[in-house]
Amino acid sequence: MEGPSSKWLSFDPTIHAGHLITACSIIVCTLGMWYGMVGDINILKLQNIQREKEIAEVKAEAAATNSAVQGKIDALVQVQRQEVGKLRDDMNGWFMNLDQKLDRKADKR
């Protein structure tokens, strides 16, 4: 009767050239993927830095435009206040003249 080792698969501890080629292929592929990912990550970081610079430029330009527009609005508000003041003074003058004319008419009666 044969022993139990003949019914089961046995482990062969010898290393063949195929094993070495497979191991080297795995290492080379892993290193290639690693360097590829590192390159992609570096490109993404550079693009992120570029976008952050662009966003900062846009924010600075928007702030400058905002301050210019705010200055124009302030000047316009000042001009409108002056015009309203002039109109108020003119209306006071008109009403005073009208009041004087009405007083004269009342005195004549």
N, C-alpha and C. Protein backbone atom coordinates (compact mmCIF):
# COMPACT_ATOMS: atom_id res chain seq x y z
N MET A 1 0.83 -1.16 0.00
CA MET A 1 0.00 0.00 0.00
C MET A 1 0.89 1.24 0.00
N GLU A 2 0.44 2.19 -0.77
CA GLU A 2 1.24 3.40 -0.88
C GLU A 2 0.92 4.34 0.26
N GLY A 3 1.87 5.22 0.56
CA GLY A 3 1.70 6.16 1.67
C GLY A 3 0.77 7.31 1.30
N PRO A 4 0.37 8.07 2.32
CA PRO A 4 -0.55 9.17 2.09
C PRO A 4 0.04 10.29 1.23
N SER A 5 1.35 10.33 1.08
CA SER A 5 1.95 11.41 0.30
C SER A 5 1.66 11.26 -1.19
N SER A 6 1.35 10.08 -1.65
CA SER A 6 1.08 9.90 -3.07
C SER A 6 -0.29 10.43 -3.47
N LYS A 7 -1.24 10.50 -2.52
CA LYS A 7 -2.58 10.99 -2.85
C LYS A 7 -2.66 12.51 -2.87
N TRP A 8 -1.79 13.17 -2.18
CA TRP A 8 -1.83 14.63 -2.05
C TRP A 8 -0.74 15.28 -2.88
N LEU A 9 -0.95 16.53 -3.20
CA LEU A 9 0.09 17.27 -3.92
C LEU A 9 1.23 17.56 -2.97
N SER A 10 2.41 17.50 -3.46
CA SER A 10 3.56 17.79 -2.60
C SER A 10 4.20 19.11 -3.04
N PHE A 11 4.82 19.79 -2.11
CA PHE A 11 5.46 21.07 -2.37
C PHE A 11 6.85 20.83 -2.93
N ASP A 12 7.16 21.53 -4.05
CA ASP A 12 8.48 21.41 -4.66
C ASP A 12 9.28 22.65 -4.27
N PRO A 13 10.29 22.54 -3.41
CA PRO A 13 11.01 23.71 -2.90
C PRO A 13 12.03 24.30 -3.87
N THR A 14 12.19 23.75 -5.04
CA THR A 14 13.19 24.27 -5.96
C THR A 14 12.68 25.53 -6.65
N ILE A 15 13.60 26.46 -6.91
CA ILE A 15 13.26 27.70 -7.60
C ILE A 15 13.73 27.56 -9.04
N HIS A 16 12.83 27.83 -9.96
CA HIS A 16 13.14 27.72 -11.38
C HIS A 16 13.27 29.12 -11.98
N ALA A 17 13.74 29.19 -13.20
CA ALA A 17 13.90 30.47 -13.90
C ALA A 17 12.56 31.17 -14.07
N GLY A 18 11.52 30.43 -14.24
CA GLY A 18 10.17 31.02 -14.38
C GLY A 18 9.76 31.78 -13.14
N HIS A 19 10.12 31.24 -11.98
CA HIS A 19 9.81 31.93 -10.73
C HIS A 19 10.55 33.25 -10.65
N LEU A 20 11.84 33.24 -11.03
CA LEU A 20 12.64 34.46 -10.99
C LEU A 20 12.11 35.50 -11.98
N ILE A 21 11.76 35.05 -13.17
CA ILE A 21 11.22 35.97 -14.18
C ILE A 21 9.90 36.57 -13.70
N THR A 22 9.06 35.77 -13.11
CA THR A 22 7.79 36.27 -12.58
C THR A 22 8.01 37.28 -11.47
N ALA A 23 8.92 36.98 -10.55
CA ALA A 23 9.21 37.91 -9.44
C ALA A 23 9.78 39.21 -9.98
N CYS A 24 10.72 39.12 -10.93
CA CYS A 24 11.29 40.34 -11.52
C CYS A 24 10.23 41.14 -12.26
N SER A 25 9.34 40.46 -12.96
CA SER A 25 8.26 41.15 -13.68
C SER A 25 7.35 41.89 -12.71
N ILE A 26 7.02 41.24 -11.60
CA ILE A 26 6.16 41.88 -10.59
C ILE A 26 6.85 43.11 -10.02
N ILE A 27 8.16 42.99 -9.72
CA ILE A 27 8.90 44.13 -9.16
C ILE A 27 8.98 45.27 -10.17
N VAL A 28 9.29 44.95 -11.42
CA VAL A 28 9.40 45.99 -12.46
C VAL A 28 8.05 46.67 -12.68
N CYS A 29 7.00 45.90 -12.75
CA CYS A 29 5.66 46.48 -12.94
C CYS A 29 5.26 47.35 -11.76
N THR A 30 5.57 46.88 -10.56
CA THR A 30 5.24 47.66 -9.36
C THR A 30 6.00 48.98 -9.35
N LEU A 31 7.30 48.93 -9.65
CA LEU A 31 8.09 50.17 -9.70
C LEU A 31 7.59 51.11 -10.80
N GLY A 32 7.26 50.55 -11.94
CA GLY A 32 6.73 51.37 -13.04
C GLY A 32 5.43 52.05 -12.66
N MET A 33 4.54 51.31 -12.03
CA MET A 33 3.27 51.91 -11.59
C MET A 33 3.52 52.96 -10.52
N TRP A 34 4.46 52.68 -9.61
CA TRP A 34 4.77 53.63 -8.54
C TRP A 34 5.29 54.95 -9.12
N TYR A 35 6.26 54.87 -10.01
CA TYR A 35 6.80 56.09 -10.60
C TYR A 35 5.76 56.80 -11.46
N GLY A 36 4.92 56.04 -12.13
CA GLY A 36 3.84 56.65 -12.90
C GLY A 36 2.86 57.41 -12.02
N MET A 37 2.51 56.79 -10.89
CA MET A 37 1.59 57.46 -9.97
C MET A 37 2.23 58.68 -9.34
N VAL A 38 3.51 58.59 -9.00
CA VAL A 38 4.22 59.73 -8.42
C VAL A 38 4.25 60.88 -9.43
N GLY A 39 4.51 60.55 -10.69
CA GLY A 39 4.49 61.57 -11.74
C GLY A 39 3.12 62.21 -11.89
N ASP A 40 2.08 61.40 -11.89
CA ASP A 40 0.71 61.93 -11.98
C ASP A 40 0.38 62.79 -10.78
N ILE A 41 0.79 62.36 -9.60
CA ILE A 41 0.52 63.14 -8.38
C ILE A 41 1.25 64.47 -8.45
N ASN A 42 2.51 64.47 -8.93
CA ASN A 42 3.25 65.73 -9.05
C ASN A 42 2.59 66.66 -10.06
N ILE A 43 2.11 66.12 -11.16
CA ILE A 43 1.41 66.94 -12.15
C ILE A 43 0.14 67.53 -11.54
N LEU A 44 -0.61 66.73 -10.80
CA LEU A 44 -1.82 67.23 -10.16
C LEU A 44 -1.50 68.31 -9.13
N LYS A 45 -0.41 68.14 -8.39
CA LYS A 45 -0.01 69.16 -7.41
C LYS A 45 0.35 70.46 -8.12
N LEU A 46 1.08 70.37 -9.23
CA LEU A 46 1.45 71.57 -9.98
C LEU A 46 0.21 72.25 -10.55
N GLN A 47 -0.74 71.46 -11.06
CA GLN A 47 -1.98 72.04 -11.57
C GLN A 47 -2.77 72.70 -10.45
N ASN A 48 -2.77 72.09 -9.27
CA ASN A 48 -3.46 72.67 -8.12
C ASN A 48 -2.83 74.00 -7.73
N ILE A 49 -1.50 74.05 -7.71
CA ILE A 49 -0.81 75.30 -7.39
C ILE A 49 -1.13 76.37 -8.43
N GLN A 50 -1.14 75.98 -9.70
CA GLN A 50 -1.47 76.93 -10.77
C GLN A 50 -2.89 77.45 -10.61
N ARG A 51 -3.82 76.59 -10.30
CA ARG A 51 -5.21 77.02 -10.12
C ARG A 51 -5.34 77.93 -8.90
N GLU A 52 -4.60 77.63 -7.84
CA GLU A 52 -4.65 78.49 -6.66
C GLU A 52 -4.10 79.88 -6.99
N LYS A 53 -3.04 79.94 -7.82
CA LYS A 53 -2.51 81.23 -8.25
C LYS A 53 -3.55 81.98 -9.08
N GLU A 54 -4.21 81.27 -9.99
CA GLU A 54 -5.23 81.90 -10.83
C GLU A 54 -6.38 82.42 -9.97
N ILE A 55 -6.79 81.63 -8.99
CA ILE A 55 -7.87 82.06 -8.10
C ILE A 55 -7.46 83.29 -7.31
N ALA A 56 -6.20 83.31 -6.84
CA ALA A 56 -5.71 84.48 -6.10
C ALA A 56 -5.69 85.71 -7.00
N GLU A 57 -5.28 85.54 -8.27
CA GLU A 57 -5.28 86.66 -9.21
C GLU A 57 -6.70 87.16 -9.46
N VAL A 58 -7.62 86.24 -9.63
CA VAL A 58 -9.01 86.63 -9.87
C VAL A 58 -9.57 87.36 -8.65
N LYS A 59 -9.26 86.86 -7.46
CA LYS A 59 -9.73 87.53 -6.24
C LYS A 59 -9.14 88.92 -6.12
N ALA A 60 -7.84 89.07 -6.44
CA ALA A 60 -7.21 90.39 -6.37
C ALA A 60 -7.82 91.34 -7.38
N GLU A 61 -8.07 90.83 -8.59
CA GLU A 61 -8.69 91.67 -9.62
C GLU A 61 -10.11 92.04 -9.22
N ALA A 62 -10.83 91.09 -8.64
CA ALA A 62 -12.20 91.38 -8.20
C ALA A 62 -12.19 92.41 -7.07
N ALA A 63 -11.23 92.31 -6.17
CA ALA A 63 -11.14 93.28 -5.08
C ALA A 63 -10.83 94.67 -5.63
N ALA A 64 -9.92 94.74 -6.61
CA ALA A 64 -9.59 96.04 -7.22
C ALA A 64 -10.79 96.61 -7.95
N THR A 65 -11.48 95.76 -8.70
CA THR A 65 -12.67 96.21 -9.41
C THR A 65 -13.75 96.64 -8.42
N ASN A 66 -13.89 95.88 -7.35
CA ASN A 66 -14.89 96.20 -6.33
C ASN A 66 -14.59 97.55 -5.70
N SER A 67 -13.32 97.81 -5.38
CA SER A 67 -12.98 99.10 -4.77
C SER A 67 -13.19 100.23 -5.75
N ALA A 68 -12.89 100.00 -7.05
CA ALA A 68 -13.13 101.04 -8.05
C ALA A 68 -14.62 101.32 -8.20
N VAL A 69 -15.41 100.28 -8.24
CA VAL A 69 -16.87 100.45 -8.36
C VAL A 69 -17.42 101.12 -7.11
N GLN A 70 -16.91 100.73 -5.95
CA GLN A 70 -17.37 101.34 -4.70
C GLN A 70 -17.03 102.83 -4.68
N GLY A 71 -15.85 103.19 -5.20
CA GLY A 71 -15.48 104.60 -5.29
C GLY A 71 -16.41 105.37 -6.21
N LYS A 72 -16.77 104.77 -7.34
CA LYS A 72 -17.69 105.42 -8.27
C LYS A 72 -19.07 105.57 -7.64
N ILE A 73 -19.51 104.55 -6.93
CA ILE A 73 -20.81 104.62 -6.27
C ILE A 73 -20.81 105.71 -5.20
N ASP A 74 -19.73 105.78 -4.42
CA ASP A 74 -19.63 106.82 -3.40
C ASP A 74 -19.66 108.21 -4.02
N ALA A 75 -18.95 108.39 -5.15
CA ALA A 75 -18.96 109.68 -5.84
C ALA A 75 -20.36 110.00 -6.35
N LEU A 76 -21.05 109.01 -6.89
CA LEU A 76 -22.40 109.22 -7.39
C LEU A 76 -23.35 109.58 -6.26
N VAL A 77 -23.22 108.91 -5.13
CA VAL A 77 -24.07 109.22 -3.98
C VAL A 77 -23.81 110.64 -3.50
N GLN A 78 -22.55 111.06 -3.50
CA GLN A 78 -22.21 112.42 -3.08
C GLN A 78 -22.83 113.44 -4.02
N VAL A 79 -22.74 113.19 -5.33
CA VAL A 79 -23.34 114.10 -6.31
C VAL A 79 -24.85 114.15 -6.12
N GLN A 80 -25.47 113.01 -5.90
CA GLN A 80 -26.92 112.99 -5.70
C GLN A 80 -27.31 113.74 -4.44
N ARG A 81 -26.53 113.62 -3.39
CA ARG A 81 -26.82 114.37 -2.16
C ARG A 81 -26.73 115.87 -2.42
N GLN A 82 -25.72 116.28 -3.18
CA GLN A 82 -25.60 117.70 -3.50
C GLN A 82 -26.79 118.18 -4.33
N GLU A 83 -27.18 117.37 -5.31
CA GLU A 83 -28.32 117.75 -6.15
C GLU A 83 -29.61 117.81 -5.34
N VAL A 84 -29.80 116.86 -4.45
CA VAL A 84 -30.99 116.87 -3.59
C VAL A 84 -30.97 118.10 -2.69
N GLY A 85 -29.80 118.45 -2.17
CA GLY A 85 -29.68 119.66 -1.34
C GLY A 85 -30.01 120.91 -2.14
N LYS A 86 -29.51 120.99 -3.37
CA LYS A 86 -29.83 122.14 -4.23
C LYS A 86 -31.32 122.20 -4.52
N LEU A 87 -31.91 121.06 -4.83
CA LEU A 87 -33.35 121.01 -5.12
C LEU A 87 -34.15 121.42 -3.89
N ARG A 88 -33.73 120.98 -2.72
CA ARG A 88 -34.41 121.36 -1.48
C ARG A 88 -34.32 122.88 -1.27
N ASP A 89 -33.13 123.43 -1.49
CA ASP A 89 -32.97 124.88 -1.35
C ASP A 89 -33.83 125.63 -2.36
N ASP A 90 -33.84 125.15 -3.61
CA ASP A 90 -34.67 125.79 -4.64
C ASP A 90 -36.15 125.72 -4.28
N MET A 91 -36.59 124.56 -3.79
CA MET A 91 -38.00 124.42 -3.43
C MET A 91 -38.35 125.33 -2.26
N ASN A 92 -37.43 125.45 -1.28
CA ASN A 92 -37.68 126.38 -0.17
C ASN A 92 -37.81 127.80 -0.69
N GLY A 93 -36.95 128.17 -1.64
CA GLY A 93 -37.05 129.50 -2.24
C GLY A 93 -38.36 129.69 -2.97
N TRP A 94 -38.78 128.69 -3.72
CA TRP A 94 -40.04 128.81 -4.46
C TRP A 94 -41.22 128.96 -3.51
N PHE A 95 -41.22 128.13 -2.46
CA PHE A 95 -42.33 128.23 -1.51
C PHE A 95 -42.31 129.55 -0.76
N MET A 96 -41.11 130.08 -0.48
CA MET A 96 -41.05 131.38 0.19
C MET A 96 -41.58 132.47 -0.73
N ASN A 97 -41.23 132.42 -2.03
CA ASN A 97 -41.76 133.39 -2.98
C ASN A 97 -43.27 133.26 -3.10
N LEU A 98 -43.76 132.03 -3.16
CA LEU A 98 -45.20 131.81 -3.26
C LEU A 98 -45.90 132.32 -2.01
N ASP A 99 -45.29 132.07 -0.85
CA ASP A 99 -45.87 132.54 0.41
C ASP A 99 -45.93 134.06 0.43
N GLN A 100 -44.87 134.72 -0.05
CA GLN A 100 -44.86 136.18 -0.09
C GLN A 100 -45.93 136.71 -1.03
N LYS A 101 -46.09 136.06 -2.20
CA LYS A 101 -47.11 136.50 -3.15
C LYS A 101 -48.50 136.31 -2.56
N LEU A 102 -48.72 135.20 -1.89
CA LEU A 102 -50.03 134.96 -1.29
C LEU A 102 -50.30 135.95 -0.16
N ASP A 103 -49.26 136.31 0.62
CA ASP A 103 -49.42 137.30 1.68
C ASP A 103 -49.78 138.66 1.09
N ARG A 104 -49.17 139.03 -0.03
CA ARG A 104 -49.48 140.31 -0.67
C ARG A 104 -50.92 140.34 -1.17
N LYS A 105 -51.35 139.21 -1.74
CA LYS A 105 -52.73 139.16 -2.22
C LYS A 105 -53.71 139.26 -1.06
N ALA A 106 -53.36 138.62 0.04
CA ALA A 106 -54.24 138.68 1.21
C ALA A 106 -54.26 140.09 1.78
N ASP A 107 -53.14 140.80 1.73
CA ASP A 107 -53.09 142.17 2.24
C ASP A 107 -53.90 143.11 1.36
N LYS A 108 -53.97 142.86 0.08
CA LYS A 108 -54.71 143.72 -0.84
C LYS A 108 -56.20 143.59 -0.65
N ARG A 109 -56.71 142.59 -0.12
CA ARG A 109 -58.14 142.38 0.02
C ARG A 109 -58.66 143.12 1.16
